[in-house]
Amino acid sequence: MASATTQYYNGDGRDGALNVTSSTNITYSGDTTVDASSSSGQKVLNVTATTGFSTGDMIMIYRIDTGVYEVHIVDTVQAGVSLTLVDNLVATWAPSSKYVLRMPQYTTVAISVSQTLSTDHGSMLLAFACSGAISGLGNISMGGKGYAGGAGTPWQSLAGTVATAGSGPGGGGAGQTGYGGYDYSAGGGAGKNGTGGNGTGYAGLTPGAGGSSYSGFRPGSGGGGGGANQGSHIPGASGGTGGGCIYVRAGSVNMPSGGGFQCQGTSGGNAGGQAGGGGGGSAGEIYLLTGEMTLSSTGVFYAPGGVGGAQSSSAIGGGGTTGHTNIDCVSTNYVPTGATMEYLDGYYDVGLRIREEGETVIPLCETVTASHALRIYDGSTTYGIALVATSDDSALNTRIDDGVSIKALKKQIL
């Protein structure tokens, strides 16, 4: 959610141009928490500290446990006490609200080839605004920056010892060290957009169960750890780490030839192929608000879950689930006049435009279902972005990895 002032606002560029020539982690110069109840319909946000905040700053208020957030502009600062906002709060924020972050406001962001823009902040959230263009051949990535995977059991562990489950609301269950010295079970995959995959194991042992599904703008969870092979002195593998969250507002995005947005979960560990594999971590979330977006055939929004650790056929870790990608394309240069247009066979034009080989094309959308990891909000309704096989006659050059295979956006040429 966002205040009225910030709904389609990409910042004033007060933090200048960001040129990422080597992989860079953003830090938040304003970083605090809510310390007293701040009511919806009011402009005063009570905070623990005001250091690093000033008039005109863009802030995000974020609860990692629920995924609820608001984006606002600071009007005035009462030192050490509160931030007064330009617009009223939408929700009531209790002292348990975890994060109040000053979002950098860049003029442009350019990411060199093979380089990454990320953050290691405890919120597991990368959030910034860019009044101009985001460009380059690198990646904006929170891959593996979510909740941690569980540790496998050490080889010295006693028979029946259970490994550590993955952290996070959808953490994968833990594998187990065997009773016969050479048997073991694997960890479960983390859940997010669906339930994680179950681990496998030798007869009589309990493998890690797949983690629960959950919704909201929240990081991916960690996979469960695997059980040890006591007889061969091989520890169980650790579970994969979940993906973090990305929240970006930009005037335009132009990331051809390999650049893109990533929030994938990492794969579970292998443990040498003779102990319980770790479960895969689940992916996080991507939210992009932009007026224009240009991606080449290799530009992607990448939000798959991690693969389970590939052990023997008797103890394979469960796979983590996908996250979501939400794109809000709002430029009046690209949104058609009038309401959302419906085509035959249930496809919609919701205003998203892509330039390919000098031609403006319409990626078609459809009624959203739970299987749609790639979504777009047109100001009133969320739609699923239609994907087709890359060999389909309606396939665009823009490719999307949906966690199972590489697919293409479905086009309608203007």
Protein backbone atom coordinates (compact mmCIF):
# COMPACT_ATOMS: atom_id res chain seq x y z
CA MET A 1 0.00 0.00 0.00
CA ALA A 2 1.09 3.61 -0.46
CA SER A 3 -0.14 7.10 0.34
CA ALA A 4 -1.84 9.15 -2.35
CA THR A 5 1.20 11.38 -2.79
CA THR A 6 3.56 8.47 -3.46
CA GLN A 7 1.25 6.24 -5.48
CA TYR A 8 3.04 6.99 -8.77
CA TYR A 9 6.00 8.99 -7.44
CA ASN A 10 9.57 7.90 -8.21
CA GLY A 11 11.40 10.30 -5.91
CA ASP A 12 13.27 13.58 -6.33
CA GLY A 13 16.71 12.09 -7.02
CA ARG A 14 18.24 13.61 -3.88
CA ASP A 15 20.78 10.78 -3.57
CA GLY A 16 22.19 11.39 -7.05
CA ALA A 17 23.30 8.84 -9.63
CA LEU A 18 24.29 5.32 -8.58
CA ASN A 19 26.83 3.62 -10.82
CA VAL A 20 27.41 0.00 -9.84
CA THR A 21 30.78 -0.94 -11.34
CA SER A 22 31.41 -3.61 -8.69
CA SER A 23 28.79 -5.54 -6.75
CA THR A 24 27.27 -3.20 -4.16
CA ASN A 25 25.12 -3.55 -1.05
CA ILE A 26 22.82 -0.63 -0.30
CA THR A 27 22.67 0.60 3.29
CA TYR A 28 19.81 2.65 4.72
CA SER A 29 21.00 5.96 6.21
CA GLY A 30 17.71 6.22 8.09
CA ASP A 31 16.85 3.00 9.90
CA THR A 32 14.52 2.86 12.91
CA THR A 33 11.36 1.26 14.33
CA VAL A 34 7.90 2.36 15.51
CA ASP A 35 8.04 2.90 19.29
CA ALA A 36 4.46 4.00 20.06
CA SER A 37 1.12 3.33 18.40
CA SER A 38 0.64 5.48 15.29
CA SER A 39 -2.96 5.57 14.12
CA SER A 40 -4.42 5.27 10.64
CA GLY A 41 -5.81 8.54 9.34
CA GLN A 42 -3.05 10.48 11.14
CA LYS A 43 0.21 11.91 9.80
CA VAL A 44 2.45 11.40 12.83
CA LEU A 45 4.62 8.28 12.91
CA ASN A 46 6.21 7.72 16.33
CA VAL A 47 9.70 6.28 15.99
CA THR A 48 12.57 5.15 18.18
CA ALA A 49 15.10 7.46 16.50
CA THR A 50 15.11 10.13 13.79
CA THR A 51 18.81 10.11 12.89
CA GLY A 52 19.28 10.03 9.13
CA PHE A 53 15.75 11.28 8.28
CA SER A 54 14.88 14.70 6.86
CA THR A 55 12.09 16.56 5.07
CA GLY A 56 11.39 15.15 1.61
CA ASP A 57 12.74 11.68 2.37
CA MET A 58 10.84 8.68 1.03
CA ILE A 59 10.30 6.04 3.71
CA MET A 60 8.94 2.52 3.87
CA ILE A 61 7.21 1.21 6.99
CA TYR A 62 7.44 -2.56 6.87
CA ARG A 63 6.37 -5.54 8.96
CA ILE A 64 8.35 -8.56 7.90
CA ASP A 65 6.04 -10.96 9.77
CA THR A 66 2.92 -9.93 7.83
CA GLY A 67 4.32 -8.35 4.67
CA VAL A 68 2.26 -5.19 5.23
CA TYR A 69 3.98 -1.96 4.20
CA GLU A 70 3.38 1.70 3.40
CA VAL A 71 5.50 4.17 1.44
CA HIS A 72 5.41 7.85 2.45
CA ILE A 73 7.15 11.21 2.09
CA VAL A 74 8.43 12.91 5.25
CA ASP A 75 7.08 16.44 5.80
CA THR A 76 8.82 17.37 9.07
CA VAL A 77 11.01 15.68 11.68
CA GLN A 78 10.62 16.10 15.45
CA ALA A 79 14.11 15.13 16.59
CA GLY A 80 14.18 11.89 18.54
CA VAL A 81 10.39 11.62 18.66
CA SER A 82 8.49 11.32 15.37
CA LEU A 83 8.21 11.80 11.63
CA THR A 84 5.29 13.84 10.32
CA LEU A 85 4.24 12.62 6.89
CA VAL A 86 2.78 14.43 3.89
CA ASP A 87 -0.20 12.05 3.83
CA ASN A 88 -2.13 10.13 6.45
CA LEU A 89 -1.15 6.63 7.49
CA VAL A 90 -3.30 3.94 5.87
CA ALA A 91 -2.86 1.39 8.68
CA THR A 92 -2.36 1.66 12.42
CA TRP A 93 1.25 0.81 13.27
CA ALA A 94 1.93 -0.74 16.67
CA PRO A 95 5.27 -0.63 18.52
CA SER A 96 5.92 -4.17 17.30
CA SER A 97 6.27 -2.82 13.75
CA LYS A 98 9.78 -3.83 12.85
CA TYR A 99 11.23 -1.44 10.28
CA VAL A 100 11.08 2.20 9.20
CA LEU A 101 13.60 2.67 6.40
CA ARG A 102 14.74 5.72 4.44
CA MET A 103 14.59 4.63 0.79
CA PRO A 104 17.40 6.08 -1.35
CA GLN A 105 16.11 8.33 -4.13
CA TYR A 106 18.51 8.12 -7.08
CA THR A 107 18.47 10.08 -10.33
CA THR A 108 19.69 7.09 -12.34
CA VAL A 109 20.95 3.59 -11.56
CA ALA A 110 23.44 1.94 -13.93
CA ILE A 111 24.64 -1.61 -13.22
CA SER A 112 27.66 -2.88 -15.11
CA VAL A 113 27.75 -6.32 -16.71
CA SER A 114 27.96 -9.23 -14.23
CA GLN A 115 27.62 -6.89 -11.23
CA THR A 116 24.88 -6.98 -8.59
CA LEU A 117 22.97 -4.40 -6.57
CA SER A 118 21.69 -5.86 -3.28
CA THR A 119 21.57 -5.35 0.49
CA ASP A 120 22.42 -7.34 3.61
CA HIS A 121 19.96 -5.45 5.82
CA GLY A 122 18.12 -7.47 8.45
CA SER A 123 14.77 -6.67 6.85
CA MET A 124 15.81 -8.89 3.91
CA LEU A 125 14.41 -6.05 1.77
CA LEU A 126 16.02 -3.98 -0.98
CA ALA A 127 13.95 -0.83 -1.50
CA PHE A 128 14.80 2.31 -3.48
CA ALA A 129 13.41 4.87 -5.93
CA CYS A 130 14.91 6.18 -9.15
CA SER A 131 13.48 9.28 -10.79
CA GLY A 132 15.13 8.45 -14.12
CA ALA A 133 16.25 5.21 -15.73
CA ILE A 134 17.55 1.96 -14.30
CA SER A 135 19.88 0.52 -16.92
CA GLY A 136 22.76 -1.85 -17.50
CA LEU A 137 23.69 -5.47 -17.95
CA GLY A 138 23.88 -6.45 -14.28
CA ASN A 139 21.24 -7.58 -11.79
CA ILE A 140 19.17 -6.19 -8.96
CA SER A 141 19.25 -9.27 -6.78
CA MET A 142 18.06 -10.51 -3.42
CA GLY A 143 18.71 -14.13 -4.36
CA GLY A 144 19.58 -16.11 -1.22
CA LYS A 145 19.02 -13.07 1.02
CA GLY A 146 15.93 -14.40 2.83
CA TYR A 147 15.51 -16.70 5.82
CA ALA A 148 18.35 -19.12 6.55
CA GLY A 149 18.29 -22.83 5.85
CA GLY A 150 18.55 -25.34 8.65
CA ALA A 151 21.83 -27.04 9.55
CA GLY A 152 22.34 -30.74 8.88
CA THR A 153 23.21 -33.11 11.71
CA PRO A 154 26.96 -33.69 12.39
CA TRP A 155 28.22 -37.17 11.61
CA GLN A 156 28.88 -37.79 15.32
CA SER A 157 25.19 -37.31 16.13
CA LEU A 158 23.35 -40.14 17.80
CA ALA A 159 20.94 -42.32 15.90
CA GLY A 160 17.59 -40.61 15.53
CA THR A 161 19.00 -37.10 15.90
CA VAL A 162 16.89 -34.62 13.96
CA ALA A 163 18.55 -31.84 11.97
CA THR A 164 17.52 -28.18 12.17
CA ALA A 165 14.40 -27.05 10.34
CA GLY A 166 14.57 -24.08 7.98
CA SER A 167 13.77 -20.67 9.42
CA GLY A 168 10.91 -18.45 8.33
CA PRO A 169 7.12 -18.96 8.20
CA GLY A 170 7.44 -21.66 5.53
CA GLY A 171 10.66 -23.28 6.74
CA GLY A 172 11.25 -26.83 5.50
CA GLY A 173 11.21 -29.71 7.99
CA ALA A 174 14.41 -31.43 9.15
CA GLY A 175 15.92 -34.76 8.12
CA GLN A 176 17.22 -37.40 10.52
CA THR A 177 20.36 -39.39 11.29
CA GLY A 178 19.74 -43.11 10.85
CA TYR A 179 19.77 -45.96 13.34
CA GLY A 180 21.83 -48.40 11.31
CA GLY A 181 24.82 -46.09 10.93
CA TYR A 182 24.49 -45.79 7.16
CA ASP A 183 20.88 -44.70 6.71
CA TYR A 184 19.56 -41.11 6.81
CA SER A 185 16.82 -38.83 5.53
CA ALA A 186 16.75 -35.47 3.78
CA GLY A 187 15.33 -32.07 4.63
CA GLY A 188 12.08 -30.65 3.30
CA GLY A 189 11.81 -27.77 0.86
CA ALA A 190 10.60 -24.36 2.01
CA GLY A 191 7.09 -23.17 1.24
CA LYS A 192 5.94 -19.77 -0.07
CA ASN A 193 3.76 -19.79 -3.21
CA GLY A 194 2.54 -23.26 -2.31
CA THR A 195 3.78 -26.03 0.00
CA GLY A 196 7.44 -27.03 -0.27
CA GLY A 197 8.46 -30.47 -1.50
CA ASN A 198 8.91 -33.30 1.01
CA GLY A 199 12.35 -34.80 1.53
CA THR A 200 12.94 -38.54 1.11
CA GLY A 201 14.78 -41.04 3.28
CA TYR A 202 15.54 -44.64 4.17
CA ALA A 203 12.74 -46.83 5.48
CA GLY A 204 11.88 -46.20 9.11
CA LEU A 205 13.25 -42.64 9.13
CA THR A 206 11.16 -39.51 8.99
CA PRO A 207 12.26 -37.12 6.23
CA GLY A 208 11.67 -33.41 6.46
CA ALA A 209 8.21 -32.28 5.41
CA GLY A 210 7.73 -29.46 2.94
CA GLY A 211 7.18 -26.07 4.55
CA SER A 212 3.78 -24.36 4.61
CA SER A 213 2.62 -21.85 2.02
CA TYR A 214 2.12 -18.22 3.03
CA SER A 215 1.22 -14.97 1.34
CA GLY A 216 2.22 -11.32 1.48
CA PHE A 217 5.28 -9.26 0.59
CA ARG A 218 7.63 -11.40 2.70
CA PRO A 219 11.02 -13.07 2.19
CA GLY A 220 11.36 -16.70 1.21
CA SER A 221 12.00 -19.31 3.91
CA GLY A 222 14.90 -21.70 4.41
CA GLY A 223 14.99 -25.38 3.54
CA GLY A 224 15.40 -28.05 6.22
CA GLY A 225 18.75 -29.64 7.04
CA GLY A 226 19.56 -33.27 6.17
CA GLY A 227 20.45 -36.20 8.40
CA ALA A 228 24.04 -37.51 8.73
CA ASN A 229 25.59 -40.74 7.52
CA GLN A 230 27.10 -41.80 10.84
CA GLY A 231 28.83 -44.90 9.55
CA SER A 232 30.70 -43.06 6.79
CA HIS A 233 31.36 -39.96 8.93
CA ILE A 234 29.46 -37.65 6.53
CA PRO A 235 27.38 -34.83 8.04
CA GLY A 236 23.95 -33.98 6.73
CA ALA A 237 23.72 -31.08 4.29
CA SER A 238 22.34 -27.66 5.15
CA GLY A 239 19.10 -26.39 3.69
CA GLY A 240 19.04 -23.65 1.06
CA THR A 241 18.41 -20.02 1.95
CA GLY A 242 15.23 -18.20 0.96
CA GLY A 243 15.15 -15.24 -1.40
CA GLY A 244 14.70 -11.70 -0.15
CA CYS A 245 12.30 -8.99 -1.33
CA ILE A 246 12.81 -6.20 -3.88
CA TYR A 247 10.74 -3.00 -3.99
CA VAL A 248 11.67 -0.54 -6.75
CA ARG A 249 10.08 2.63 -8.18
CA ALA A 250 11.62 3.91 -11.40
CA GLY A 251 10.90 6.25 -14.26
CA SER A 252 11.98 3.54 -16.68
CA VAL A 253 13.82 0.22 -16.74
CA ASN A 254 16.17 -0.67 -19.59
CA MET A 255 18.13 -3.82 -18.78
CA PRO A 256 18.97 -5.71 -22.00
CA SER A 257 21.21 -8.73 -22.56
CA GLY A 258 21.21 -10.43 -19.22
CA GLY A 259 20.16 -7.74 -16.74
CA GLY A 260 17.17 -8.31 -14.50
CA PHE A 261 15.56 -8.70 -11.08
CA GLN A 262 16.24 -11.77 -8.95
CA CYS A 263 14.89 -13.10 -5.64
CA GLN A 264 15.45 -16.85 -5.98
CA GLY A 265 15.84 -19.33 -3.16
CA THR A 266 19.13 -21.25 -3.12
CA SER A 267 19.47 -24.99 -3.53
CA GLY A 268 19.91 -27.40 -0.64
CA GLY A 269 23.38 -28.82 0.04
CA ASN A 270 24.57 -32.14 -1.42
CA ALA A 271 26.77 -33.50 1.40
CA GLY A 272 28.96 -35.51 -0.94
CA GLY A 273 26.12 -37.66 -2.21
CA GLN A 274 26.12 -40.04 0.79
CA ALA A 275 24.10 -38.25 3.47
CA GLY A 276 20.76 -36.49 3.74
CA GLY A 277 20.36 -33.62 1.29
CA GLY A 278 19.17 -30.19 2.36
CA GLY A 279 15.81 -28.83 1.27
CA GLY A 280 15.68 -25.94 -1.18
CA GLY A 281 14.86 -22.41 -0.03
CA SER A 282 11.74 -20.66 -1.33
CA ALA A 283 11.85 -17.48 -3.42
CA GLY A 284 11.00 -14.00 -2.20
CA GLU A 285 8.98 -11.22 -3.82
CA ILE A 286 9.60 -8.56 -6.48
CA TYR A 287 7.54 -5.37 -6.79
CA LEU A 288 8.36 -2.97 -9.62
CA LEU A 289 6.53 0.29 -10.35
CA THR A 290 7.74 1.87 -13.58
CA GLY A 291 6.54 3.96 -16.49
CA GLU A 292 8.38 2.00 -19.18
CA MET A 293 10.21 -1.32 -19.24
CA THR A 294 12.59 -2.72 -21.85
CA LEU A 295 14.05 -6.21 -21.48
CA SER A 296 15.83 -8.25 -24.13
CA SER A 297 15.36 -11.93 -24.86
CA THR A 298 17.61 -12.76 -21.90
CA GLY A 299 16.24 -10.14 -19.49
CA VAL A 300 14.27 -11.87 -16.74
CA PHE A 301 12.32 -11.56 -13.53
CA TYR A 302 13.74 -14.56 -11.73
CA ALA A 303 11.90 -15.94 -8.69
CA PRO A 304 12.22 -19.76 -8.58
CA GLY A 305 12.63 -21.85 -5.45
CA GLY A 306 15.87 -23.72 -4.79
CA VAL A 307 16.33 -27.35 -5.80
CA GLY A 308 16.61 -29.97 -3.06
CA GLY A 309 20.07 -31.42 -2.39
CA ALA A 310 20.77 -34.18 -4.93
CA GLN A 311 21.75 -37.19 -2.86
CA SER A 312 21.29 -40.86 -3.56
CA SER A 313 17.76 -41.77 -4.59
CA SER A 314 17.04 -42.60 -0.96
CA ALA A 315 17.57 -39.12 0.55
CA ILE A 316 16.85 -36.23 -1.78
CA GLY A 317 15.92 -32.85 -0.31
CA GLY A 318 12.56 -31.35 -1.15
CA GLY A 319 12.40 -28.38 -3.51
CA GLY A 320 11.52 -24.86 -2.42
CA THR A 321 8.58 -23.03 -4.01
CA THR A 322 8.45 -19.94 -6.19
CA GLY A 323 7.79 -16.36 -5.14
CA HIS A 324 5.83 -13.63 -6.92
CA THR A 325 6.73 -10.85 -9.33
CA ASN A 326 4.37 -7.85 -9.41
CA ILE A 327 4.77 -5.16 -12.09
CA ASP A 328 2.82 -1.89 -11.97
CA CYS A 329 3.34 -0.09 -15.30
CA VAL A 330 1.67 3.33 -15.03
CA SER A 331 3.11 5.73 -17.63
CA THR A 332 0.40 7.58 -19.54
CA ASN A 333 2.56 7.15 -22.64
CA TYR A 334 1.87 3.42 -22.54
CA VAL A 335 -1.46 2.91 -20.78
CA PRO A 336 -4.32 2.81 -23.34
CA THR A 337 -7.23 5.24 -22.98
CA GLY A 338 -10.22 3.86 -21.14
CA ALA A 339 -10.69 0.65 -19.18
CA THR A 340 -8.68 -2.55 -19.40
CA MET A 341 -9.23 -4.08 -22.85
CA GLU A 342 -10.34 -7.73 -23.14
CA TYR A 343 -9.32 -9.91 -26.08
CA LEU A 344 -10.73 -13.25 -27.17
CA ASP A 345 -10.10 -16.38 -25.10
CA GLY A 346 -9.96 -14.50 -21.80
CA TYR A 347 -6.80 -12.43 -22.38
CA TYR A 348 -6.47 -8.78 -21.33
CA ASP A 349 -4.49 -5.67 -22.23
CA VAL A 350 -3.82 -3.97 -18.87
CA GLY A 351 -1.41 -1.29 -20.14
CA LEU A 352 1.93 -3.10 -20.03
CA ARG A 353 4.15 -2.32 -23.05
CA ILE A 354 7.51 -3.68 -24.21
CA ARG A 355 9.74 -2.52 -27.07
CA GLU A 356 11.25 -5.33 -29.13
CA GLU A 357 13.25 -4.74 -32.31
CA GLY A 358 11.79 -1.25 -32.72
CA GLU A 359 8.19 -2.39 -32.30
CA THR A 360 5.81 -1.73 -29.40
CA VAL A 361 4.06 -4.91 -28.32
CA ILE A 362 1.41 -5.78 -25.74
CA PRO A 363 2.17 -8.63 -23.32
CA LEU A 364 -1.24 -10.16 -22.64
CA CYS A 365 -2.58 -10.98 -19.19
CA GLU A 366 -5.29 -13.26 -17.84
CA THR A 367 -7.37 -13.78 -14.72
CA VAL A 368 -4.92 -14.37 -11.89
CA THR A 369 -4.68 -17.81 -10.25
CA ALA A 370 -2.40 -19.25 -7.58
CA SER A 371 -0.11 -20.58 -10.31
CA HIS A 372 0.75 -17.10 -11.61
CA ALA A 373 4.14 -16.18 -10.16
CA LEU A 374 4.34 -13.16 -12.52
CA ARG A 375 1.59 -10.59 -11.91
CA ILE A 376 0.65 -6.99 -12.67
CA TYR A 377 -1.67 -4.51 -10.93
CA ASP A 378 -3.50 -2.04 -13.21
CA GLY A 379 -4.64 0.29 -10.43
CA SER A 380 -7.71 -1.71 -9.45
CA THR A 381 -7.22 -5.40 -10.30
CA THR A 382 -4.31 -7.85 -10.17
CA TYR A 383 -3.84 -9.97 -13.31
CA GLY A 384 -1.59 -12.90 -14.11
CA ILE A 385 0.87 -12.25 -16.96
CA ALA A 386 0.33 -14.93 -19.61
CA LEU A 387 3.29 -17.20 -20.43
CA VAL A 388 3.64 -19.51 -23.44
CA ALA A 389 6.23 -21.90 -24.82
CA THR A 390 9.13 -20.10 -26.50
CA SER A 391 8.23 -21.89 -29.75
CA ASP A 392 4.67 -20.55 -29.75
CA ASP A 393 3.73 -18.19 -32.62
CA SER A 394 2.61 -15.61 -30.03
CA ALA A 395 5.87 -15.75 -28.03
CA LEU A 396 7.70 -12.49 -27.34
CA ASN A 397 11.49 -12.42 -27.17
CA THR A 398 11.33 -11.64 -23.45
CA ARG A 399 11.93 -14.86 -21.53
CA ILE A 400 10.76 -15.75 -18.02
CA ASP A 401 12.03 -18.60 -15.85
CA ASP A 402 8.91 -19.78 -13.97
CA GLY A 403 10.87 -22.24 -11.84
CA VAL A 404 10.07 -25.18 -14.14
CA SER A 405 11.18 -24.04 -17.59
CA ILE A 406 11.98 -20.98 -19.67
CA LYS A 407 8.82 -19.47 -21.13
CA ALA A 408 7.95 -16.35 -23.11
CA LEU A 409 5.47 -13.54 -22.64
CA LYS A 410 2.41 -13.83 -24.90
CA LYS A 411 2.10 -10.90 -27.29
CA GLN A 412 -0.50 -8.81 -29.06
CA ILE A 413 1.12 -6.49 -31.64
CA LEU A 414 -0.22 -2.90 -31.80
